[in-house]
Each structure stands twice: as C-alpha cells, then as structure tokens.
Amino acid sequence: MVNPEEGEKDMSTVTPSSLSSVASASGKVRTPGTTALGVGLEARGIHAWFGQKHVLNDISLDFWSGTVTALIGPSGCGKSTFIRTLNRMHEFIPGAAMAGQVLLDGKDIYESGTDVTKIRLKVGMVFQKPNPFPSMTIAENVLAGLKLAQLKVENKDDLLEECLERAGLWSEVKDRLSAYGGSLSGGQQQRLCIARSLAVRPQVLLMDEPCSALDPGSTLRIEETISQLSSSMTIIIVTHNMQQAARVSDYTAFFLSDGGPGSMVEVGPTGEIFSRPKDKRTENYVTGRFG
C-alpha cells in the first residue's frame, strides 16, 4: 500500500497515469461479489432538494457487494447529500426532499411501510468526524447499536472482539475496554465508530470523508481497514483525496455541479477514471486543474 503522506502532495504534480499507477499498486482488481453477499445497492434516478434548491440531478449508480466505490468531486457537488439518501438520512434535514429509488437487494428502501430503523442497520454510516458516545466505554460503544436496535446475540464478548479486530483496533485496546471511548486518539475513535457500525452486521458501509481530520498514519490504518472489510460488504466512500481514491477503491464516480444541481459526470473502474477518463472535465479535476 502507498504511504498516505503521498495524498498530501500538490495536486499540480498529479497526473492520470500516476494515479492509475497508485490504483494498480494496491494489487487488487475486484469484481462484484457472489449472491451470498446480496446483489448490493442500486440508486435509480436520484434527485434531492433542500427547500426549493435542487442539489442533486438524476443520479443512477450500482454499488456491488465485495467492492469499494469512491465518490469524488469539488465541495458542494452533492456527494455527501447523495450518500445520505442511500440510508434515508437525508430526510432528517428540515425541508429536505428526494425523488428516485434506492434498491437494496432489489427492494426500494423508500417503499411505503419500510422500517427505516432496519434499513439503517443494513446500511451503516461512518461520518467525517469521529463520534463515539462520550459517556460510554470502548466496549459499550461497540455494542451500542445492538442495544438501540434491541438485537440479541449469544456471546457479546466474542462479537466485541470480532468487530474490534475487523476494524483494526483490537490489539490496541484489548487491555482497556473499560476506558471511555473519548480517551482514544482521533484515528482510534474513527476505527471505534467503524467497529460500532459492524456490530449490527450491515450489508453496506457508507463513509463520508472518514480520514479528512486524521494524520497520515491514522489514515493508513483506516484504509487498511477498508480493504479488509470490502471482501464481505459493499463500501461507498466520499473523499477529496485523489490518492486515497486510487488506493482504496475499485470504482470511482466523479460528481460536478457546474453551477446547477450536482450530477454524475462519469463512473468506471478506478484505474480507468485516473488514466483514461472519457470526459474532459474528469481529466481536469483529477489532474488538479480545478477543484
């Protein structure tokens, strides 16, 4: 894996070919997973509004199980709004509205009568800023979702270790599980939030710039965690770091607003987006000419 400090380089030095090399250096070319993992998540004709402001225009994307998809594009082009429509968090915002379909294993999550709580158990979310529950211990944080969803498991200790191990945190905290989650470093807190999401066995994990506030070392650990998790679920990550997108993702979608509502310019295998983009606007963005 490439050193995350390379993600800090001046974008003027980045070329499509160099980013393609980063993608190739990851050593993985994954294809969609088997039906045992589910068919994944599908967005069909998504539009979104905040009041009268139209912020997303007709987004259709497939996110297959066993793969990582990166969403890239300038600030304000609707990437974060889009992923919030994928587990019905968009509707939390006063005045927000959407149109279109989001299909999980072929069933529209916006269908009348759908249990929203169950949807959010299947489609988890990791936010830009780590948000462990400050009054809970490390162990309580990981298992909090089970309590909130009233889910029962046979052995909580085994689940706790499994989730912390999958999040790349077990070896660092196994001897202080009773310490408060807020006592961890920023990178550890973010991995704790990932472990908390994993405890309820999601099919999909949404990640909204999960490394933007982290140092390079913590970023590397998060990226390693993403690579390890991706074999067993669908992962969608919003990132402004082109090197990160090249390192962790199998597919990349480029969003742009162009003065109007955000739309998707193109999507494809990550290596192709960074080496042979079909749209000149994509090439201009990934080479740092704007954004």
C-alpha atoms as a PDB file:
ATOM      1  CA  MET A   1       0.000   0.000   0.000  1.00  0.00           C
ATOM      2  CA  VAL A   2       1.196   3.504  -0.807  1.00  0.00           C
ATOM      3  CA  ASN A   3       2.204   5.853   2.014  1.00  0.00           C
ATOM      4  CA  PRO A   4      -0.781   8.118   2.806  1.00  0.00           C
ATOM      5  CA  GLU A   5       1.536  11.094   3.022  1.00  0.00           C
ATOM      6  CA  GLU A   6       1.607  10.970  -0.757  1.00  0.00           C
ATOM      7  CA  GLY A   7      -2.014  12.070  -0.626  1.00  0.00           C
ATOM      8  CA  GLU A   8      -0.787  15.442   0.638  1.00  0.00           C
ATOM      9  CA  LYS A   9       1.253  16.236  -2.462  1.00  0.00           C
ATOM     10  CA  ASP A  10       0.407  19.285  -4.560  1.00  0.00           C
ATOM     11  CA  MET A  11      -2.307  18.267  -6.999  1.00  0.00           C
ATOM     12  CA  SER A  12      -0.427  20.084  -9.758  1.00  0.00           C
ATOM     13  CA  THR A  13       2.077  17.202  -9.680  1.00  0.00           C
ATOM     14  CA  VAL A  14      -0.573  14.514 -10.057  1.00  0.00           C
ATOM     15  CA  THR A  15      -1.275  13.039 -13.482  1.00  0.00           C
ATOM     16  CA  PRO A  16      -3.837  10.465 -14.566  1.00  0.00           C
ATOM     17  CA  SER A  17      -1.042   7.981 -15.195  1.00  0.00           C
ATOM     18  CA  SER A  18       0.451   8.417 -11.717  1.00  0.00           C
ATOM     19  CA  LEU A  19      -2.926   7.926 -10.057  1.00  0.00           C
ATOM     20  CA  SER A  20      -3.523   4.881 -12.220  1.00  0.00           C
ATOM     21  CA  SER A  21      -0.199   3.506 -11.003  1.00  0.00           C
ATOM     22  CA  VAL A  22      -1.323   4.017  -7.406  1.00  0.00           C
ATOM     23  CA  ALA A  23      -4.527   2.111  -8.163  1.00  0.00           C
ATOM     24  CA  SER A  24      -2.562  -0.696  -9.790  1.00  0.00           C
ATOM     25  CA  ALA A  25      -0.094  -0.816  -6.885  1.00  0.00           C
ATOM     26  CA  SER A  26      -2.890  -1.727  -4.500  1.00  0.00           C
ATOM     27  CA  GLY A  27      -2.636  -5.212  -6.001  1.00  0.00           C
ATOM     28  CA  LYS A  28      -6.357  -5.810  -6.247  1.00  0.00           C
ATOM     29  CA  VAL A  29      -8.773  -5.813  -9.138  1.00  0.00           C
ATOM     30  CA  ARG A  30     -12.009  -6.932  -7.538  1.00  0.00           C
ATOM     31  CA  THR A  31     -15.156  -7.847  -9.345  1.00  0.00           C
ATOM     32  CA  PRO A  32     -18.630  -7.887  -7.786  1.00  0.00           C
ATOM     33  CA  GLY A  33     -19.124 -10.440  -5.045  1.00  0.00           C
ATOM     34  CA  THR A  34     -21.291 -13.515  -5.046  1.00  0.00           C
ATOM     35  CA  THR A  35     -25.004 -13.591  -4.411  1.00  0.00           C
ATOM     36  CA  ALA A  36     -24.239 -14.853  -0.907  1.00  0.00           C
ATOM     37  CA  LEU A  37     -23.400 -11.244  -0.029  1.00  0.00           C
ATOM     38  CA  GLY A  38     -26.505  -9.867  -1.706  1.00  0.00           C
ATOM     39  CA  VAL A  39     -26.625  -8.014  -5.001  1.00  0.00           C
ATOM     40  CA  GLY A  40     -25.571  -4.764  -3.400  1.00  0.00           C
ATOM     41  CA  LEU A  41     -27.123  -1.309  -3.563  1.00  0.00           C
ATOM     42  CA  GLU A  42     -28.604   0.435  -6.585  1.00  0.00           C
ATOM     43  CA  ALA A  43     -29.528   4.094  -6.940  1.00  0.00           C
ATOM     44  CA  ARG A  44     -32.035   4.901  -9.673  1.00  0.00           C
ATOM     45  CA  GLY A  45     -32.745   8.460 -10.832  1.00  0.00           C
ATOM     46  CA  ILE A  46     -31.968  10.163  -7.522  1.00  0.00           C
ATOM     47  CA  HIS A  47     -32.895  13.829  -7.177  1.00  0.00           C
ATOM     48  CA  ALA A  48     -32.551  15.779  -3.933  1.00  0.00           C
ATOM     49  CA  TRP A  49     -33.670  19.178  -2.705  1.00  0.00           C
ATOM     50  CA  PHE A  50     -33.158  21.428   0.297  1.00  0.00           C
ATOM     51  CA  GLY A  51     -36.318  23.508   0.268  1.00  0.00           C
ATOM     52  CA  GLN A  52     -36.537  24.952  -3.252  1.00  0.00           C
ATOM     53  CA  LYS A  53     -32.855  24.331  -4.016  1.00  0.00           C
ATOM     54  CA  HIS A  54     -32.289  21.383  -6.339  1.00  0.00           C
ATOM     55  CA  VAL A  55     -28.953  19.889  -5.231  1.00  0.00           C
ATOM     56  CA  LEU A  56     -28.822  16.501  -6.988  1.00  0.00           C
ATOM     57  CA  ASN A  57     -29.940  15.745 -10.510  1.00  0.00           C
ATOM     58  CA  ASP A  58     -30.797  12.259 -11.769  1.00  0.00           C
ATOM     59  CA  ILE A  59     -28.035  10.110 -10.212  1.00  0.00           C
ATOM     60  CA  SER A  60     -28.055   6.407 -11.099  1.00  0.00           C
ATOM     61  CA  LEU A  61     -25.289   4.171  -9.736  1.00  0.00           C
ATOM     62  CA  ASP A  62     -24.776   0.494  -8.910  1.00  0.00           C
ATOM     63  CA  PHE A  63     -22.701  -0.469  -5.867  1.00  0.00           C
ATOM     64  CA  TRP A  64     -21.856  -4.163  -5.955  1.00  0.00           C
ATOM     65  CA  SER A  65     -21.127  -6.362  -2.966  1.00  0.00           C
ATOM     66  CA  GLY A  66     -17.458  -7.043  -2.339  1.00  0.00           C
ATOM     67  CA  THR A  67     -16.295  -3.753  -3.863  1.00  0.00           C
ATOM     68  CA  VAL A  68     -15.333  -0.203  -2.818  1.00  0.00           C
ATOM     69  CA  THR A  69     -16.679   2.779  -4.749  1.00  0.00           C
ATOM     70  CA  ALA A  70     -15.160   6.240  -4.265  1.00  0.00           C
ATOM     71  CA  LEU A  71     -17.226   9.378  -4.881  1.00  0.00           C
ATOM     72  CA  ILE A  72     -15.029  12.315  -5.879  1.00  0.00           C
ATOM     73  CA  GLY A  73     -15.688  15.892  -6.936  1.00  0.00           C
ATOM     74  CA  PRO A  74     -15.410  19.504  -5.714  1.00  0.00           C
ATOM     75  CA  SER A  75     -17.047  20.661  -2.494  1.00  0.00           C
ATOM     76  CA  GLY A  76     -20.727  21.430  -2.931  1.00  0.00           C
ATOM     77  CA  CYS A  77     -21.397  18.993  -5.785  1.00  0.00           C
ATOM     78  CA  GLY A  78     -23.719  16.786  -3.716  1.00  0.00           C
ATOM     79  CA  LYS A  79     -21.556  13.769  -2.831  1.00  0.00           C
ATOM     80  CA  SER A  80     -22.421  13.774   0.880  1.00  0.00           C
ATOM     81  CA  THR A  81     -26.074  14.513   0.151  1.00  0.00           C
ATOM     82  CA  PHE A  82     -26.136  11.558  -2.225  1.00  0.00           C
ATOM     83  CA  ILE A  83     -24.787   9.004   0.240  1.00  0.00           C
ATOM     84  CA  ARG A  84     -27.250  10.265   2.858  1.00  0.00           C
ATOM     85  CA  THR A  85     -30.077   9.332   0.501  1.00  0.00           C
ATOM     86  CA  LEU A  86     -28.712   5.767   0.462  1.00  0.00           C
ATOM     87  CA  ASN A  87     -29.800   5.027   4.049  1.00  0.00           C
ATOM     88  CA  ARG A  88     -32.573   7.625   4.378  1.00  0.00           C
ATOM     89  CA  MET A  89     -30.570  10.078   6.473  1.00  0.00           C
ATOM     90  CA  HIS A  90     -31.302  12.886   4.018  1.00  0.00           C
ATOM     91  CA  GLU A  91     -34.874  13.057   5.283  1.00  0.00           C
ATOM     92  CA  PHE A  92     -33.650  14.032   8.775  1.00  0.00           C
ATOM     93  CA  ILE A  93     -32.874  17.539   7.495  1.00  0.00           C
ATOM     94  CA  PRO A  94     -35.796  20.013   7.740  1.00  0.00           C
ATOM     95  CA  GLY A  95     -37.082  20.910   4.284  1.00  0.00           C
ATOM     96  CA  ALA A  96     -35.190  18.090   2.584  1.00  0.00           C
ATOM     97  CA  ALA A  97     -36.854  16.073  -0.162  1.00  0.00           C
ATOM     98  CA  MET A  98     -35.841  13.441  -2.697  1.00  0.00           C
ATOM     99  CA  ALA A  99     -37.128  11.528  -5.678  1.00  0.00           C
ATOM    100  CA  GLY A 100     -35.998   8.278  -7.224  1.00  0.00           C
ATOM    101  CA  GLN A 101     -35.345   4.763  -5.941  1.00  0.00           C
ATOM    102  CA  VAL A 102     -32.684   3.168  -3.770  1.00  0.00           C
ATOM    103  CA  LEU A 103     -32.753  -0.609  -4.105  1.00  0.00           C
ATOM    104  CA  LEU A 104     -31.174  -2.889  -1.503  1.00  0.00           C
ATOM    105  CA  ASP A 105     -31.213  -6.483  -2.743  1.00  0.00           C
ATOM    106  CA  GLY A 106     -33.799  -5.384  -5.283  1.00  0.00           C
ATOM    107  CA  LYS A 107     -36.230  -3.753  -2.826  1.00  0.00           C
ATOM    108  CA  ASP A 108     -36.801   0.004  -2.682  1.00  0.00           C
ATOM    109  CA  ILE A 109     -35.853   1.318   0.765  1.00  0.00           C
ATOM    110  CA  TYR A 110     -38.254   4.244   0.241  1.00  0.00           C
ATOM    111  CA  GLU A 111     -41.220   1.984  -0.358  1.00  0.00           C
ATOM    112  CA  SER A 112     -44.222   2.831   1.808  1.00  0.00           C
ATOM    113  CA  GLY A 113     -44.240   0.880   5.067  1.00  0.00           C
ATOM    114  CA  THR A 114     -40.497   0.219   5.092  1.00  0.00           C
ATOM    115  CA  ASP A 115     -38.973   0.102   8.583  1.00  0.00           C
ATOM    116  CA  VAL A 116     -36.342   2.871   8.443  1.00  0.00           C
ATOM    117  CA  THR A 117     -34.536   1.536  11.523  1.00  0.00           C
ATOM    118  CA  LYS A 118     -33.972  -1.804   9.822  1.00  0.00           C
ATOM    119  CA  ILE A 119     -32.659  -0.053   6.715  1.00  0.00           C
ATOM    120  CA  ARG A 120     -30.068   1.826   8.758  1.00  0.00           C
ATOM    121  CA  LEU A 121     -28.953  -1.418  10.364  1.00  0.00           C
ATOM    122  CA  LYS A 122     -28.277  -2.828   6.902  1.00  0.00           C
ATOM    123  CA  VAL A 123     -26.728   0.379   5.518  1.00  0.00           C
ATOM    124  CA  GLY A 124     -24.325   1.745   8.138  1.00  0.00           C
ATOM    125  CA  MET A 125     -22.677   5.167   8.201  1.00  0.00           C
ATOM    126  CA  VAL A 126     -19.279   6.464   9.316  1.00  0.00           C
ATOM    127  CA  PHE A 127     -19.058  10.239   9.459  1.00  0.00           C
ATOM    128  CA  GLN A 128     -16.294  12.720   8.726  1.00  0.00           C
ATOM    129  CA  LYS A 129     -15.714  13.482  12.408  1.00  0.00           C
ATOM    130  CA  PRO A 130     -15.407  10.526  14.806  1.00  0.00           C
ATOM    131  CA  ASN A 131     -18.444  10.455  17.084  1.00  0.00           C
ATOM    132  CA  PRO A 132     -18.024   7.862  19.849  1.00  0.00           C
ATOM    133  CA  PHE A 133     -20.534   8.181  22.675  1.00  0.00           C
ATOM    134  CA  PRO A 134     -18.531  10.118  25.310  1.00  0.00           C
ATOM    135  CA  SER A 135     -20.224   8.616  28.369  1.00  0.00           C
ATOM    136  CA  MET A 136     -19.711   5.030  27.182  1.00  0.00           C
ATOM    137  CA  THR A 137     -16.693   2.769  27.462  1.00  0.00           C
ATOM    138  CA  ILE A 138     -14.930   1.337  24.420  1.00  0.00           C
ATOM    139  CA  ALA A 139     -16.846  -1.919  24.820  1.00  0.00           C
ATOM    140  CA  GLU A 140     -20.186  -0.149  25.335  1.00  0.00           C
ATOM    141  CA  ASN A 141     -19.603   1.978  22.244  1.00  0.00           C
ATOM    142  CA  VAL A 142     -19.097  -1.076  20.034  1.00  0.00           C
ATOM    143  CA  LEU A 143     -22.230  -2.788  21.331  1.00  0.00           C
ATOM    144  CA  ALA A 144     -24.407   0.332  21.486  1.00  0.00           C
ATOM    145  CA  GLY A 145     -26.183  -0.415  18.213  1.00  0.00           C
ATOM    146  CA  LEU A 146     -27.348  -3.783  19.482  1.00  0.00           C
ATOM    147  CA  LYS A 147     -28.986  -2.148  22.477  1.00  0.00           C
ATOM    148  CA  LEU A 148     -30.624   0.601  20.445  1.00  0.00           C
ATOM    149  CA  ALA A 149     -31.957  -1.909  17.888  1.00  0.00           C
ATOM    150  CA  GLN A 150     -32.907  -4.401  20.609  1.00  0.00           C
ATOM    151  CA  LEU A 151     -30.859  -7.131  18.971  1.00  0.00           C
ATOM    152  CA  LYS A 152     -29.739 -10.165  20.949  1.00  0.00           C
ATOM    153  CA  VAL A 153     -26.515 -12.086  20.441  1.00  0.00           C
ATOM    154  CA  GLU A 154     -25.326 -15.266  22.118  1.00  0.00           C
ATOM    155  CA  ASN A 155     -21.857 -14.071  23.082  1.00  0.00           C
ATOM    156  CA  LYS A 156     -21.243 -10.327  23.278  1.00  0.00           C
ATOM    157  CA  ASP A 157     -17.584 -10.795  24.202  1.00  0.00           C
ATOM    158  CA  ASP A 158     -16.908 -12.719  21.010  1.00  0.00           C
ATOM    159  CA  LEU A 159     -18.778 -10.127  18.939  1.00  0.00           C
ATOM    160  CA  LEU A 160     -16.870  -7.309  20.640  1.00  0.00           C
ATOM    161  CA  GLU A 161     -13.521  -8.865  19.808  1.00  0.00           C
ATOM    162  CA  GLU A 162     -14.589  -9.700  16.256  1.00  0.00           C
ATOM    163  CA  CYS A 163     -15.726  -6.136  15.498  1.00  0.00           C
ATOM    164  CA  LEU A 164     -12.664  -4.507  17.024  1.00  0.00           C
ATOM    165  CA  GLU A 165     -10.440  -6.964  15.159  1.00  0.00           C
ATOM    166  CA  ARG A 166     -12.160  -6.263  11.836  1.00  0.00           C
ATOM    167  CA  ALA A 167     -11.826  -2.527  12.482  1.00  0.00           C
ATOM    168  CA  GLY A 168      -8.092  -2.967  13.133  1.00  0.00           C
ATOM    169  CA  LEU A 169      -8.349  -1.835  16.759  1.00  0.00           C
ATOM    170  CA  TRP A 170      -8.396  -4.963  18.944  1.00  0.00           C
ATOM    171  CA  SER A 171      -4.659  -5.213  19.614  1.00  0.00           C
ATOM    172  CA  GLU A 172      -4.555  -1.567  20.692  1.00  0.00           C
ATOM    173  CA  VAL A 173      -7.496  -1.585  23.121  1.00  0.00           C
ATOM    174  CA  LYS A 174      -7.999  -5.171  24.304  1.00  0.00           C
ATOM    175  CA  ASP A 175      -6.484  -4.366  27.713  1.00  0.00           C
ATOM    176  CA  ARG A 176      -8.560  -1.220  28.306  1.00  0.00           C
ATOM    177  CA  LEU A 177     -12.048  -1.992  27.092  1.00  0.00           C
ATOM    178  CA  SER A 178     -13.495  -0.253  30.161  1.00  0.00           C
ATOM    179  CA  ALA A 179     -11.845   3.071  29.266  1.00  0.00           C
ATOM    180  CA  TYR A 180     -14.065   5.762  27.781  1.00  0.00           C
ATOM    181  CA  GLY A 181     -14.193   5.959  24.002  1.00  0.00           C
ATOM    182  CA  GLY A 182     -13.201   9.614  24.152  1.00  0.00           C
ATOM    183  CA  SER A 183      -9.834   8.663  25.627  1.00  0.00           C
ATOM    184  CA  LEU A 184      -8.697   7.233  22.285  1.00  0.00           C
ATOM    185  CA  SER A 185      -6.815   9.160  19.614  1.00  0.00           C
ATOM    186  CA  GLY A 186      -8.719  10.572  16.651  1.00  0.00           C
ATOM    187  CA  GLY A 187      -7.778   7.690  14.381  1.00  0.00           C
ATOM    188  CA  GLN A 188      -8.652   5.136  17.034  1.00  0.00           C
ATOM    189  CA  GLN A 189     -12.002   6.842  17.633  1.00  0.00           C
ATOM    190  CA  GLN A 190     -12.788   6.592  13.923  1.00  0.00           C
ATOM    191  CA  ARG A 191     -11.966   2.869  13.926  1.00  0.00           C
ATOM    192  CA  LEU A 192     -14.107   2.513  17.059  1.00  0.00           C
ATOM    193  CA  CYS A 193     -17.003   4.048  15.114  1.00  0.00           C
ATOM    194  CA  ILE A 194     -16.370   1.555  12.308  1.00  0.00           C
ATOM    195  CA  ALA A 195     -16.428  -1.296  14.851  1.00  0.00           C
ATOM    196  CA  ARG A 196     -19.719   0.067  16.219  1.00  0.00           C
ATOM    197  CA  SER A 197     -21.195   0.001  12.722  1.00  0.00           C
ATOM    198  CA  LEU A 198     -20.020  -3.579  12.153  1.00  0.00           C
ATOM    199  CA  ALA A 199     -21.689  -4.932  15.303  1.00  0.00           C
ATOM    200  CA  VAL A 200     -25.131  -4.895  13.677  1.00  0.00           C
ATOM    201  CA  ARG A 201     -23.879  -6.795  10.598  1.00  0.00           C
ATOM    202  CA  PRO A 202     -24.509  -4.216   7.842  1.00  0.00           C
ATOM    203  CA  GLN A 203     -24.502  -5.158   4.171  1.00  0.00           C
ATOM    204  CA  VAL A 204     -23.335  -1.696   3.135  1.00  0.00           C
ATOM    205  CA  LEU A 205     -20.995   0.782   4.837  1.00  0.00           C
ATOM    206  CA  LEU A 206     -21.164   4.449   3.847  1.00  0.00           C
ATOM    207  CA  MET A 207     -18.110   6.568   4.714  1.00  0.00           C
ATOM    208  CA  ASP A 208     -18.251  10.357   4.398  1.00  0.00           C
ATOM    209  CA  GLU A 209     -14.646  11.620   4.253  1.00  0.00           C
ATOM    210  CA  PRO A 210     -13.626   9.357   7.156  1.00  0.00           C
ATOM    211  CA  CYS A 211      -9.950  10.384   7.046  1.00  0.00           C
ATOM    212  CA  SER A 212     -10.186  14.130   6.437  1.00  0.00           C
ATOM    213  CA  ALA A 213      -9.388  15.017  10.062  1.00  0.00           C
ATOM    214  CA  LEU A 214      -6.737  12.321  10.578  1.00  0.00           C
ATOM    215  CA  ASP A 215      -2.939  12.236  10.390  1.00  0.00           C
ATOM    216  CA  PRO A 216      -1.239  10.139   7.674  1.00  0.00           C
ATOM    217  CA  GLY A 217      -0.596   7.179   9.983  1.00  0.00           C
ATOM    218  CA  SER A 218      -4.224   7.005  11.102  1.00  0.00           C
ATOM    219  CA  THR A 219      -5.332   7.420   7.504  1.00  0.00           C
ATOM    220  CA  LEU A 220      -3.255   4.401   6.527  1.00  0.00           C
ATOM    221  CA  ARG A 221      -4.887   2.271   9.241  1.00  0.00           C
ATOM    222  CA  ILE A 222      -8.378   3.303   8.113  1.00  0.00           C
ATOM    223  CA  GLU A 223      -7.513   2.470   4.509  1.00  0.00           C
ATOM    224  CA  GLU A 224      -6.194  -0.939   5.557  1.00  0.00           C
ATOM    225  CA  THR A 225      -9.462  -1.499   7.428  1.00  0.00           C
ATOM    226  CA  ILE A 226     -11.485  -0.565   4.342  1.00  0.00           C
ATOM    227  CA  SER A 227      -9.529  -3.039   2.213  1.00  0.00           C
ATOM    228  CA  GLN A 228     -10.066  -5.818   4.742  1.00  0.00           C
ATOM    229  CA  LEU A 229     -13.790  -5.145   5.129  1.00  0.00           C
ATOM    230  CA  SER A 230     -14.550  -4.820   1.441  1.00  0.00           C
ATOM    231  CA  SER A 231     -14.471  -8.563   0.784  1.00  0.00           C
ATOM    232  CA  SER A 232     -17.584  -9.031   2.920  1.00  0.00           C
ATOM    233  CA  MET A 233     -19.701  -5.946   2.191  1.00  0.00           C
ATOM    234  CA  THR A 234     -20.361  -3.012  -0.101  1.00  0.00           C
ATOM    235  CA  ILE A 235     -18.357   0.119   0.786  1.00  0.00           C
ATOM    236  CA  ILE A 236     -19.004   3.625  -0.549  1.00  0.00           C
ATOM    237  CA  ILE A 237     -16.553   6.374   0.404  1.00  0.00           C
ATOM    238  CA  VAL A 238     -16.676  10.115  -0.227  1.00  0.00           C
ATOM    239  CA  THR A 239     -13.166  11.534  -0.464  1.00  0.00           C
ATOM    240  CA  HIS A 240     -11.424  14.688  -1.679  1.00  0.00           C
ATOM    241  CA  ASN A 241      -8.084  12.877  -1.689  1.00  0.00           C
ATOM    242  CA  MET A 242      -7.378  11.579  -5.183  1.00  0.00           C
ATOM    243  CA  GLN A 243      -4.520   9.400  -3.953  1.00  0.00           C
ATOM    244  CA  GLN A 244      -6.846   7.824  -1.389  1.00  0.00           C
ATOM    245  CA  ALA A 245      -9.480   7.104  -4.024  1.00  0.00           C
ATOM    246  CA  ALA A 246      -6.788   5.462  -6.154  1.00  0.00           C
ATOM    247  CA  ARG A 247      -5.519   3.383  -3.225  1.00  0.00           C
ATOM    248  CA  VAL A 248      -8.742   2.008  -1.788  1.00  0.00           C
ATOM    249  CA  SER A 249     -11.432   1.919  -4.454  1.00  0.00           C
ATOM    250  CA  ASP A 250     -12.375  -0.464  -7.240  1.00  0.00           C
ATOM    251  CA  TYR A 251     -14.723   2.015  -8.911  1.00  0.00           C
ATOM    252  CA  THR A 252     -14.798   5.812  -8.914  1.00  0.00           C
ATOM    253  CA  ALA A 253     -17.675   8.175  -9.704  1.00  0.00           C
ATOM    254  CA  PHE A 254     -16.993  11.845 -10.463  1.00  0.00           C
ATOM    255  CA  PHE A 255     -19.619  14.391  -9.393  1.00  0.00           C
ATOM    256  CA  LEU A 256     -19.825  18.016 -10.549  1.00  0.00           C
ATOM    257  CA  SER A 257     -22.324  20.840 -10.147  1.00  0.00           C
ATOM    258  CA  ASP A 258     -21.307  23.246 -12.971  1.00  0.00           C
ATOM    259  CA  GLY A 259     -23.430  25.973 -11.371  1.00  0.00           C
ATOM    260  CA  GLY A 260     -26.556  23.810 -11.241  1.00  0.00           C
ATOM    261  CA  PRO A 261     -27.595  20.772  -9.213  1.00  0.00           C
ATOM    262  CA  GLY A 262     -24.917  18.144  -8.692  1.00  0.00           C
ATOM    263  CA  SER A 263     -24.778  15.437 -11.324  1.00  0.00           C
ATOM    264  CA  MET A 264     -22.546  12.482 -12.104  1.00  0.00           C
ATOM    265  CA  VAL A 265     -20.148  13.148 -14.975  1.00  0.00           C
ATOM    266  CA  GLU A 266     -18.871   9.586 -15.271  1.00  0.00           C
ATOM    267  CA  VAL A 267     -18.191   6.363 -13.388  1.00  0.00           C
ATOM    268  CA  GLY A 268     -15.855   3.479 -14.110  1.00  0.00           C
ATOM    269  CA  PRO A 269     -13.061   1.285 -12.778  1.00  0.00           C
ATOM    270  CA  THR A 270     -10.735   3.477 -10.727  1.00  0.00           C
ATOM    271  CA  GLY A 271      -7.687   2.812 -12.890  1.00  0.00           C
ATOM    272  CA  GLU A 272      -9.586   3.933 -15.978  1.00  0.00           C
ATOM    273  CA  ILE A 273     -11.005   7.077 -14.374  1.00  0.00           C
ATOM    274  CA  PHE A 274      -7.484   8.174 -13.436  1.00  0.00           C
ATOM    275  CA  SER A 275      -5.734   7.104 -16.643  1.00  0.00           C
ATOM    276  CA  ARG A 276      -8.316   7.257 -19.445  1.00  0.00           C
ATOM    277  CA  PRO A 277     -11.299   9.370 -18.329  1.00  0.00           C
ATOM    278  CA  LYS A 278     -13.929   9.722 -21.023  1.00  0.00           C
ATOM    279  CA  ASP A 279     -14.910  13.295 -20.093  1.00  0.00           C
ATOM    280  CA  LYS A 280     -12.504  16.233 -20.268  1.00  0.00           C
ATOM    281  CA  ARG A 281     -13.979  17.632 -17.045  1.00  0.00           C
ATOM    282  CA  THR A 282     -12.961  14.476 -15.197  1.00  0.00           C
ATOM    283  CA  GLU A 283      -9.429  14.737 -16.526  1.00  0.00           C
ATOM    284  CA  ASN A 284      -9.234  18.391 -15.491  1.00  0.00           C
ATOM    285  CA  TYR A 285     -10.358  17.528 -11.971  1.00  0.00           C
ATOM    286  CA  VAL A 286      -8.139  14.517 -11.307  1.00  0.00           C
ATOM    287  CA  THR A 287      -5.081  16.379 -12.620  1.00  0.00           C
ATOM    288  CA  GLY A 288      -5.761  19.335 -10.317  1.00  0.00           C
ATOM    289  CA  ARG A 289      -6.694  21.908 -12.949  1.00  0.00           C
ATOM    290  CA  PHE A 290      -9.696  22.830 -10.801  1.00  0.00           C
ATOM    291  CA  GLY A 291     -11.418  21.777  -7.603  1.00  0.00           C
END
